[in-house]
Amino acid sequence: MPTPFTHLEIAQRLLRDEEVPQLMREILDAQRGAFLLGSIAADARVGSGLPREKTHFYAYGQPIVEHPWRVMVQQNPALLHPDNAAHQAFVAGYVAHLSVDETWSKEMVGPHFVLREWGDRMLRFYMLHIILIYMDERDFALLENWQSASLQQAEPQHWLDFASDNDLRTWRDLIYEQIKPDGISHTLDIFGGRIGKQPEEMRIFLDSPQEMQAGLWDNITPDLLAEVEESMYAHARTQMTRYFQESLQAMHNEG
């Protein structure tokens, strides 16, 4: 799935997207740190050991029949009744994250890396990580300077029943150390350990236009990637807005 840096770049765009209702943008902008943390929080499971279906609300190898954020709210109905604006912004970011991953799984991974037959299975698995690193490095370079300080200031207050504040803080700090002004990305080391590749080997591949063309772009074209990324951004915006409006209505009914 897309890396935290890609999710943070999407969050950055959502904050200034005029198709997001103005009230929502104002709240998210006032609670930037919480929104950024929500945008990456689902992946805190990497350190916490939680299974994917407990944080992303779907499992690999099974069809996604309902938007994962809907499943999350069904299982955790209190999330429709956030405690305050910071909590609401955090959950909105979480909804955006799940919606991005949903689209990536349904429109890229499933049809183009699992069901299509190009190369062998191991090559497709490797190229899936290569394309994610390509996106990760592109988006890391696009993150604006304010992000690191805003993320560092986010302080979870029992925002999730299925993940502890300590797990969220640990993940927050790990990402902060990478995006701060003098930070260095750990993506190659993390992915290398995951797929049994040396970071240096992946660096050589990524830096070779010939290798990238033959291994990746001849099979997954840049146009296809752009199409899927546009779809996942639009879906994230739509689903995040729906959550926000429904949470406002729920809080209004309580009042």
C-alpha atoms as a PDB file:
ATOM      1  CA  MET A   1       0.000   0.000   0.000  1.00  0.00           C
ATOM      2  CA  PRO A   2       1.146   3.630  -0.435  1.00  0.00           C
ATOM      3  CA  THR A   3       3.683   4.728   2.154  1.00  0.00           C
ATOM      4  CA  PRO A   4       3.233   7.358   4.892  1.00  0.00           C
ATOM      5  CA  PHE A   5       4.940   9.978   2.730  1.00  0.00           C
ATOM      6  CA  THR A   6       2.399   9.475  -0.038  1.00  0.00           C
ATOM      7  CA  HIS A   7      -0.432   9.719   2.492  1.00  0.00           C
ATOM      8  CA  LEU A   8       1.065  12.928   3.925  1.00  0.00           C
ATOM      9  CA  GLU A   9       1.356  14.465   0.464  1.00  0.00           C
ATOM     10  CA  ILE A  10      -2.302  13.648  -0.181  1.00  0.00           C
ATOM     11  CA  ALA A  11      -3.255  15.201   3.161  1.00  0.00           C
ATOM     12  CA  GLN A  12      -1.293  18.305   2.191  1.00  0.00           C
ATOM     13  CA  ARG A  13      -3.345  18.661  -1.000  1.00  0.00           C
ATOM     14  CA  LEU A  14      -6.639  18.004   0.758  1.00  0.00           C
ATOM     15  CA  LEU A  15      -5.998  20.892   3.143  1.00  0.00           C
ATOM     16  CA  ARG A  16      -6.086  23.387   0.288  1.00  0.00           C
ATOM     17  CA  ASP A  17      -8.559  21.627  -2.016  1.00  0.00           C
ATOM     18  CA  GLU A  18     -11.464  23.982  -2.674  1.00  0.00           C
ATOM     19  CA  GLU A  19     -13.720  21.014  -3.446  1.00  0.00           C
ATOM     20  CA  VAL A  20     -13.496  20.171   0.252  1.00  0.00           C
ATOM     21  CA  PRO A  21     -16.249  22.138   2.058  1.00  0.00           C
ATOM     22  CA  GLN A  22     -14.922  25.360   3.560  1.00  0.00           C
ATOM     23  CA  LEU A  23     -15.958  24.562   7.132  1.00  0.00           C
ATOM     24  CA  MET A  24     -14.178  21.246   6.903  1.00  0.00           C
ATOM     25  CA  ARG A  25     -11.013  22.835   5.515  1.00  0.00           C
ATOM     26  CA  GLU A  26     -11.047  25.393   8.302  1.00  0.00           C
ATOM     27  CA  ILE A  27     -11.313  22.721  10.989  1.00  0.00           C
ATOM     28  CA  LEU A  28      -8.659  20.521   9.376  1.00  0.00           C
ATOM     29  CA  ASP A  29      -6.333  23.486   8.946  1.00  0.00           C
ATOM     30  CA  ALA A  30      -6.757  24.455  12.611  1.00  0.00           C
ATOM     31  CA  GLN A  31      -6.024  20.835  13.586  1.00  0.00           C
ATOM     32  CA  ARG A  32      -3.278  20.077  11.081  1.00  0.00           C
ATOM     33  CA  GLY A  33      -1.245  17.884  13.387  1.00  0.00           C
ATOM     34  CA  ALA A  34      -4.184  15.651  14.266  1.00  0.00           C
ATOM     35  CA  PHE A  35      -5.170  15.414  10.598  1.00  0.00           C
ATOM     36  CA  LEU A  36      -1.638  14.423   9.562  1.00  0.00           C
ATOM     37  CA  LEU A  37      -1.428  11.812  12.300  1.00  0.00           C
ATOM     38  CA  GLY A  38      -4.776  10.393  11.240  1.00  0.00           C
ATOM     39  CA  SER A  39      -3.513  10.237   7.664  1.00  0.00           C
ATOM     40  CA  ILE A  40      -0.724   7.843   8.664  1.00  0.00           C
ATOM     41  CA  ALA A  41      -2.156   6.187  11.777  1.00  0.00           C
ATOM     42  CA  ALA A  42      -3.458   3.048  10.067  1.00  0.00           C
ATOM     43  CA  ASP A  43       0.127   2.020   9.372  1.00  0.00           C
ATOM     44  CA  ALA A  44       1.079   2.240  13.049  1.00  0.00           C
ATOM     45  CA  ARG A  45       0.201  -1.454  13.008  1.00  0.00           C
ATOM     46  CA  VAL A  46       3.690  -2.047  11.556  1.00  0.00           C
ATOM     47  CA  GLY A  47       5.129  -1.508  15.025  1.00  0.00           C
ATOM     48  CA  SER A  48       2.136  -2.510  17.132  1.00  0.00           C
ATOM     49  CA  GLY A  49       1.711  -5.972  15.628  1.00  0.00           C
ATOM     50  CA  LEU A  50      -2.011  -5.547  14.988  1.00  0.00           C
ATOM     51  CA  PRO A  51      -3.344  -7.566  12.030  1.00  0.00           C
ATOM     52  CA  ARG A  52      -4.316  -5.616   8.931  1.00  0.00           C
ATOM     53  CA  GLU A  53      -8.038  -6.254   9.296  1.00  0.00           C
ATOM     54  CA  LYS A  54      -7.928  -4.554  12.729  1.00  0.00           C
ATOM     55  CA  THR A  55      -6.460  -1.312  11.346  1.00  0.00           C
ATOM     56  CA  HIS A  56      -7.449  -1.260   7.647  1.00  0.00           C
ATOM     57  CA  PHE A  57     -10.721  -3.186   7.980  1.00  0.00           C
ATOM     58  CA  TYR A  58     -10.143  -5.541   5.110  1.00  0.00           C
ATOM     59  CA  ALA A  59      -7.804  -8.470   4.564  1.00  0.00           C
ATOM     60  CA  TYR A  60      -5.540  -9.349   1.665  1.00  0.00           C
ATOM     61  CA  GLY A  61      -6.999 -12.005  -0.587  1.00  0.00           C
ATOM     62  CA  GLN A  62     -10.603 -11.110   0.190  1.00  0.00           C
ATOM     63  CA  PRO A  63     -12.802  -8.812  -1.912  1.00  0.00           C
ATOM     64  CA  ILE A  64     -13.566  -5.353  -0.530  1.00  0.00           C
ATOM     65  CA  VAL A  65     -17.356  -5.259  -0.576  1.00  0.00           C
ATOM     66  CA  GLU A  66     -17.864  -2.177   1.626  1.00  0.00           C
ATOM     67  CA  HIS A  67     -15.765   0.942   2.076  1.00  0.00           C
ATOM     68  CA  PRO A  68     -13.273   0.058   4.833  1.00  0.00           C
ATOM     69  CA  TRP A  69     -13.975   3.271   6.746  1.00  0.00           C
ATOM     70  CA  ARG A  70     -17.630   2.248   6.932  1.00  0.00           C
ATOM     71  CA  VAL A  71     -16.575  -1.062   8.442  1.00  0.00           C
ATOM     72  CA  MET A  72     -14.376   0.835  10.901  1.00  0.00           C
ATOM     73  CA  VAL A  73     -17.279   3.022  12.029  1.00  0.00           C
ATOM     74  CA  GLN A  74     -19.641   0.056  12.261  1.00  0.00           C
ATOM     75  CA  GLN A  75     -17.160  -1.692  14.536  1.00  0.00           C
ATOM     76  CA  ASN A  76     -16.291   1.515  16.410  1.00  0.00           C
ATOM     77  CA  PRO A  77     -19.432   3.693  16.363  1.00  0.00           C
ATOM     78  CA  ALA A  78     -17.947   6.228  18.775  1.00  0.00           C
ATOM     79  CA  LEU A  79     -15.798   7.497  15.895  1.00  0.00           C
ATOM     80  CA  LEU A  80     -18.905   9.156  14.456  1.00  0.00           C
ATOM     81  CA  HIS A  81     -19.097  11.103  17.716  1.00  0.00           C
ATOM     82  CA  PRO A  82     -15.596  12.583  18.081  1.00  0.00           C
ATOM     83  CA  ASP A  83     -14.691  14.167  21.387  1.00  0.00           C
ATOM     84  CA  ASN A  84     -13.515  17.458  19.899  1.00  0.00           C
ATOM     85  CA  ALA A  85     -12.233  19.087  16.690  1.00  0.00           C
ATOM     86  CA  ALA A  86      -8.794  17.461  17.000  1.00  0.00           C
ATOM     87  CA  HIS A  87     -10.356  14.017  17.302  1.00  0.00           C
ATOM     88  CA  GLN A  88     -12.647  14.730  14.337  1.00  0.00           C
ATOM     89  CA  ALA A  89      -9.693  15.864  12.185  1.00  0.00           C
ATOM     90  CA  PHE A  90      -7.747  12.750  13.180  1.00  0.00           C
ATOM     91  CA  VAL A  91     -10.559  10.419  12.152  1.00  0.00           C
ATOM     92  CA  ALA A  92     -11.059  12.367   8.910  1.00  0.00           C
ATOM     93  CA  GLY A  93      -7.392  11.724   8.100  1.00  0.00           C
ATOM     94  CA  TYR A  94      -7.822   8.048   8.950  1.00  0.00           C
ATOM     95  CA  VAL A  95     -10.830   7.826   6.601  1.00  0.00           C
ATOM     96  CA  ALA A  96      -8.788   9.424   3.816  1.00  0.00           C
ATOM     97  CA  HIS A  97      -5.992   6.887   4.389  1.00  0.00           C
ATOM     98  CA  LEU A  98      -8.340   3.910   4.232  1.00  0.00           C
ATOM     99  CA  SER A  99      -9.956   5.293   1.085  1.00  0.00           C
ATOM    100  CA  VAL A 100      -6.602   5.743  -0.654  1.00  0.00           C
ATOM    101  CA  ASP A 101      -5.599   2.179   0.218  1.00  0.00           C
ATOM    102  CA  GLU A 102      -8.997   0.869  -0.891  1.00  0.00           C
ATOM    103  CA  THR A 103      -8.604   2.398  -4.349  1.00  0.00           C
ATOM    104  CA  TRP A 104      -4.984   1.299  -4.663  1.00  0.00           C
ATOM    105  CA  SER A 105      -5.961  -2.270  -3.831  1.00  0.00           C
ATOM    106  CA  LYS A 106      -9.020  -2.388  -6.121  1.00  0.00           C
ATOM    107  CA  GLU A 107      -7.684  -0.448  -9.109  1.00  0.00           C
ATOM    108  CA  MET A 108      -3.948  -1.181  -9.093  1.00  0.00           C
ATOM    109  CA  VAL A 109      -2.821  -4.148  -7.000  1.00  0.00           C
ATOM    110  CA  GLY A 110      -5.669  -6.522  -7.778  1.00  0.00           C
ATOM    111  CA  PRO A 111      -6.116  -6.028 -11.520  1.00  0.00           C
ATOM    112  CA  HIS A 112      -2.538  -5.210 -12.491  1.00  0.00           C
ATOM    113  CA  PHE A 113      -0.239  -7.053 -10.072  1.00  0.00           C
ATOM    114  CA  VAL A 114      -2.313 -10.076  -9.033  1.00  0.00           C
ATOM    115  CA  LEU A 115      -4.627 -10.924 -11.920  1.00  0.00           C
ATOM    116  CA  ARG A 116      -2.532  -9.793 -14.892  1.00  0.00           C
ATOM    117  CA  GLU A 117       0.234 -12.127 -16.025  1.00  0.00           C
ATOM    118  CA  TRP A 118       3.357 -10.209 -16.900  1.00  0.00           C
ATOM    119  CA  GLY A 119       6.638 -11.592 -15.689  1.00  0.00           C
ATOM    120  CA  ASP A 120       6.510 -14.123 -12.898  1.00  0.00           C
ATOM    121  CA  ARG A 121       4.926 -13.669  -9.483  1.00  0.00           C
ATOM    122  CA  MET A 122       8.183 -12.685  -7.799  1.00  0.00           C
ATOM    123  CA  LEU A 123       8.912 -10.019 -10.410  1.00  0.00           C
ATOM    124  CA  ARG A 124       5.452  -8.522  -9.977  1.00  0.00           C
ATOM    125  CA  PHE A 125       5.901  -8.533  -6.191  1.00  0.00           C
ATOM    126  CA  TYR A 126       9.237  -6.755  -6.543  1.00  0.00           C
ATOM    127  CA  MET A 127       7.865  -4.224  -9.029  1.00  0.00           C
ATOM    128  CA  LEU A 128       4.950  -3.482  -6.714  1.00  0.00           C
ATOM    129  CA  HIS A 129       7.458  -2.351  -4.113  1.00  0.00           C
ATOM    130  CA  ILE A 130       9.484  -0.471  -6.715  1.00  0.00           C
ATOM    131  CA  ILE A 131       6.466   1.566  -7.811  1.00  0.00           C
ATOM    132  CA  LEU A 132       5.604   2.326  -4.190  1.00  0.00           C
ATOM    133  CA  ILE A 133       9.169   3.512  -3.570  1.00  0.00           C
ATOM    134  CA  TYR A 134       9.014   5.629  -6.718  1.00  0.00           C
ATOM    135  CA  MET A 135       5.846   7.299  -5.392  1.00  0.00           C
ATOM    136  CA  ASP A 136       7.316   7.534  -1.899  1.00  0.00           C
ATOM    137  CA  GLU A 137      10.455   9.361  -3.030  1.00  0.00           C
ATOM    138  CA  ARG A 138       8.509  11.697  -5.285  1.00  0.00           C
ATOM    139  CA  ASP A 139       6.098  12.589  -2.483  1.00  0.00           C
ATOM    140  CA  PHE A 140       8.767  12.859   0.217  1.00  0.00           C
ATOM    141  CA  ALA A 141      10.319  15.660  -1.845  1.00  0.00           C
ATOM    142  CA  LEU A 142       6.940  17.433  -2.066  1.00  0.00           C
ATOM    143  CA  LEU A 143       6.253  17.601   1.676  1.00  0.00           C
ATOM    144  CA  GLU A 144       6.250  21.183   2.903  1.00  0.00           C
ATOM    145  CA  ASN A 145       8.336  22.305   5.866  1.00  0.00           C
ATOM    146  CA  TRP A 146       5.377  22.917   8.194  1.00  0.00           C
ATOM    147  CA  GLN A 147       4.464  19.235   8.203  1.00  0.00           C
ATOM    148  CA  SER A 148       7.134  17.997  10.584  1.00  0.00           C
ATOM    149  CA  ALA A 149       6.388  20.521  13.343  1.00  0.00           C
ATOM    150  CA  SER A 150       2.628  20.038  12.977  1.00  0.00           C
ATOM    151  CA  LEU A 151       2.909  16.253  13.142  1.00  0.00           C
ATOM    152  CA  GLN A 152       5.218  16.397  16.147  1.00  0.00           C
ATOM    153  CA  GLN A 153       2.653  18.463  18.058  1.00  0.00           C
ATOM    154  CA  ALA A 154      -0.191  15.988  17.526  1.00  0.00           C
ATOM    155  CA  GLU A 155      -1.143  14.446  20.862  1.00  0.00           C
ATOM    156  CA  PRO A 156      -3.621  11.557  20.739  1.00  0.00           C
ATOM    157  CA  GLN A 157      -6.187  11.447  23.529  1.00  0.00           C
ATOM    158  CA  HIS A 158      -7.766   7.981  23.403  1.00  0.00           C
ATOM    159  CA  TRP A 159      -8.731   8.633  19.781  1.00  0.00           C
ATOM    160  CA  LEU A 160      -8.923   4.929  18.872  1.00  0.00           C
ATOM    161  CA  ASP A 161     -10.191   1.921  20.792  1.00  0.00           C
ATOM    162  CA  PHE A 162      -8.204  -0.493  18.634  1.00  0.00           C
ATOM    163  CA  ALA A 163      -4.789   1.236  18.842  1.00  0.00           C
ATOM    164  CA  SER A 164      -3.150   2.737  21.892  1.00  0.00           C
ATOM    165  CA  ASP A 165      -1.991   6.324  22.280  1.00  0.00           C
ATOM    166  CA  ASN A 166       1.509   4.979  22.850  1.00  0.00           C
ATOM    167  CA  ASP A 167       1.477   3.117  19.515  1.00  0.00           C
ATOM    168  CA  LEU A 168       0.304   6.285  17.763  1.00  0.00           C
ATOM    169  CA  ARG A 169       2.989   8.395  19.437  1.00  0.00           C
ATOM    170  CA  THR A 170       5.695   5.886  18.537  1.00  0.00           C
ATOM    171  CA  TRP A 171       4.600   5.915  14.889  1.00  0.00           C
ATOM    172  CA  ARG A 172       4.278   9.706  14.914  1.00  0.00           C
ATOM    173  CA  ASP A 173       7.836  10.040  16.179  1.00  0.00           C
ATOM    174  CA  LEU A 174       9.236   7.549  13.667  1.00  0.00           C
ATOM    175  CA  ILE A 175       7.721   9.477  10.764  1.00  0.00           C
ATOM    176  CA  TYR A 176       8.675  12.842  12.259  1.00  0.00           C
ATOM    177  CA  GLU A 177      12.339  11.834  12.460  1.00  0.00           C
ATOM    178  CA  GLN A 178      12.275  11.162   8.723  1.00  0.00           C
ATOM    179  CA  ILE A 179      10.409  14.286   7.549  1.00  0.00           C
ATOM    180  CA  LYS A 180      12.023  16.853   9.846  1.00  0.00           C
ATOM    181  CA  PRO A 181      14.344  19.332   8.044  1.00  0.00           C
ATOM    182  CA  ASP A 182      17.453  17.169   8.411  1.00  0.00           C
ATOM    183  CA  GLY A 183      15.587  13.845   8.352  1.00  0.00           C
ATOM    184  CA  ILE A 184      16.394  10.895   6.128  1.00  0.00           C
ATOM    185  CA  SER A 185      13.874   8.463   4.697  1.00  0.00           C
ATOM    186  CA  HIS A 186      14.037   4.867   5.921  1.00  0.00           C
ATOM    187  CA  THR A 187      11.888   3.486   3.113  1.00  0.00           C
ATOM    188  CA  LEU A 188      14.600   1.575   1.246  1.00  0.00           C
ATOM    189  CA  ASP A 189      15.766  -0.109   4.445  1.00  0.00           C
ATOM    190  CA  ILE A 190      12.215  -0.991   5.509  1.00  0.00           C
ATOM    191  CA  PHE A 191      11.136  -2.306   2.119  1.00  0.00           C
ATOM    192  CA  GLY A 192      14.422  -4.079   1.570  1.00  0.00           C
ATOM    193  CA  GLY A 193      13.962  -6.007   4.783  1.00  0.00           C
ATOM    194  CA  ARG A 194      10.403  -6.832   3.815  1.00  0.00           C
ATOM    195  CA  ILE A 195      11.188  -8.275   0.375  1.00  0.00           C
ATOM    196  CA  GLY A 196      14.716  -9.615   0.889  1.00  0.00           C
ATOM    197  CA  LYS A 197      16.536  -6.973  -1.177  1.00  0.00           C
ATOM    198  CA  GLN A 198      19.523  -4.849  -0.288  1.00  0.00           C
ATOM    199  CA  PRO A 199      18.811  -1.094  -0.304  1.00  0.00           C
ATOM    200  CA  GLU A 200      21.794  -0.590  -2.601  1.00  0.00           C
ATOM    201  CA  GLU A 201      20.353  -3.057  -5.116  1.00  0.00           C
ATOM    202  CA  MET A 202      17.020  -1.238  -5.181  1.00  0.00           C
ATOM    203  CA  ARG A 203      18.766   2.132  -5.440  1.00  0.00           C
ATOM    204  CA  ILE A 204      20.617   1.018  -8.558  1.00  0.00           C
ATOM    205  CA  PHE A 205      17.383  -0.230 -10.097  1.00  0.00           C
ATOM    206  CA  LEU A 206      15.457   2.954  -9.275  1.00  0.00           C
ATOM    207  CA  ASP A 207      18.236   5.143 -10.685  1.00  0.00           C
ATOM    208  CA  SER A 208      18.399   3.244 -13.980  1.00  0.00           C
ATOM    209  CA  PRO A 209      15.904   4.514 -16.596  1.00  0.00           C
ATOM    210  CA  GLN A 210      16.521   1.343 -18.613  1.00  0.00           C
ATOM    211  CA  GLU A 211      15.791  -1.000 -15.701  1.00  0.00           C
ATOM    212  CA  MET A 212      12.717   0.996 -14.664  1.00  0.00           C
ATOM    213  CA  GLN A 213      11.376   0.979 -18.204  1.00  0.00           C
ATOM    214  CA  ALA A 214      11.902  -2.728 -18.817  1.00  0.00           C
ATOM    215  CA  GLY A 215      10.902  -3.938 -15.369  1.00  0.00           C
ATOM    216  CA  LEU A 216       8.109  -1.533 -14.476  1.00  0.00           C
ATOM    217  CA  TRP A 217       6.916   1.046 -17.007  1.00  0.00           C
ATOM    218  CA  ASP A 218       6.596  -1.407 -19.901  1.00  0.00           C
ATOM    219  CA  ASN A 219       4.049  -3.240 -17.751  1.00  0.00           C
ATOM    220  CA  ILE A 220       2.560  -0.552 -15.515  1.00  0.00           C
ATOM    221  CA  THR A 221       2.622   2.615 -17.576  1.00  0.00           C
ATOM    222  CA  PRO A 222       3.035   6.092 -16.083  1.00  0.00           C
ATOM    223  CA  ASP A 223      -0.381   6.955 -17.548  1.00  0.00           C
ATOM    224  CA  LEU A 224      -1.964   4.056 -15.685  1.00  0.00           C
ATOM    225  CA  LEU A 225      -0.299   5.131 -12.456  1.00  0.00           C
ATOM    226  CA  ALA A 226      -1.515   8.717 -12.928  1.00  0.00           C
ATOM    227  CA  GLU A 227      -5.058   7.487 -13.606  1.00  0.00           C
ATOM    228  CA  VAL A 228      -5.141   5.346 -10.465  1.00  0.00           C
ATOM    229  CA  GLU A 229      -3.608   8.080  -8.322  1.00  0.00           C
ATOM    230  CA  GLU A 230      -6.198  10.584  -9.531  1.00  0.00           C
ATOM    231  CA  SER A 231      -8.929   8.084  -8.674  1.00  0.00           C
ATOM    232  CA  MET A 232      -7.605   7.354  -5.206  1.00  0.00           C
ATOM    233  CA  TYR A 233      -7.276  11.060  -4.379  1.00  0.00           C
ATOM    234  CA  ALA A 234     -10.830  11.790  -5.534  1.00  0.00           C
ATOM    235  CA  HIS A 235     -12.163   8.815  -3.574  1.00  0.00           C
ATOM    236  CA  ALA A 236     -10.298   9.922  -0.439  1.00  0.00           C
ATOM    237  CA  ARG A 237     -11.742  13.425  -0.737  1.00  0.00           C
ATOM    238  CA  THR A 238     -15.284  12.137  -1.243  1.00  0.00           C
ATOM    239  CA  GLN A 239     -15.218   9.612   1.597  1.00  0.00           C
ATOM    240  CA  MET A 240     -13.474  11.987   4.012  1.00  0.00           C
ATOM    241  CA  THR A 241     -16.131  14.622   3.304  1.00  0.00           C
ATOM    242  CA  ARG A 242     -18.916  12.098   3.883  1.00  0.00           C
ATOM    243  CA  TYR A 243     -17.425  11.097   7.225  1.00  0.00           C
ATOM    244  CA  PHE A 244     -17.051  14.723   8.254  1.00  0.00           C
ATOM    245  CA  GLN A 245     -20.640  15.612   7.338  1.00  0.00           C
ATOM    246  CA  GLU A 246     -22.019  12.536   9.094  1.00  0.00           C
ATOM    247  CA  SER A 247     -19.995  13.238  12.224  1.00  0.00           C
ATOM    248  CA  LEU A 248     -21.252  16.846  12.270  1.00  0.00           C
ATOM    249  CA  GLN A 249     -24.821  15.586  11.942  1.00  0.00           C
ATOM    250  CA  ALA A 250     -24.304  13.044  14.725  1.00  0.00           C
ATOM    251  CA  MET A 251     -22.894  15.707  17.041  1.00  0.00           C
ATOM    252  CA  HIS A 252     -25.742  18.061  16.114  1.00  0.00           C
ATOM    253  CA  ASN A 253     -28.311  15.391  16.974  1.00  0.00           C
ATOM    254  CA  GLU A 254     -26.629  14.834  20.331  1.00  0.00           C
ATOM    255  CA  GLY A 255     -26.774  18.548  21.052  1.00  0.00           C
END
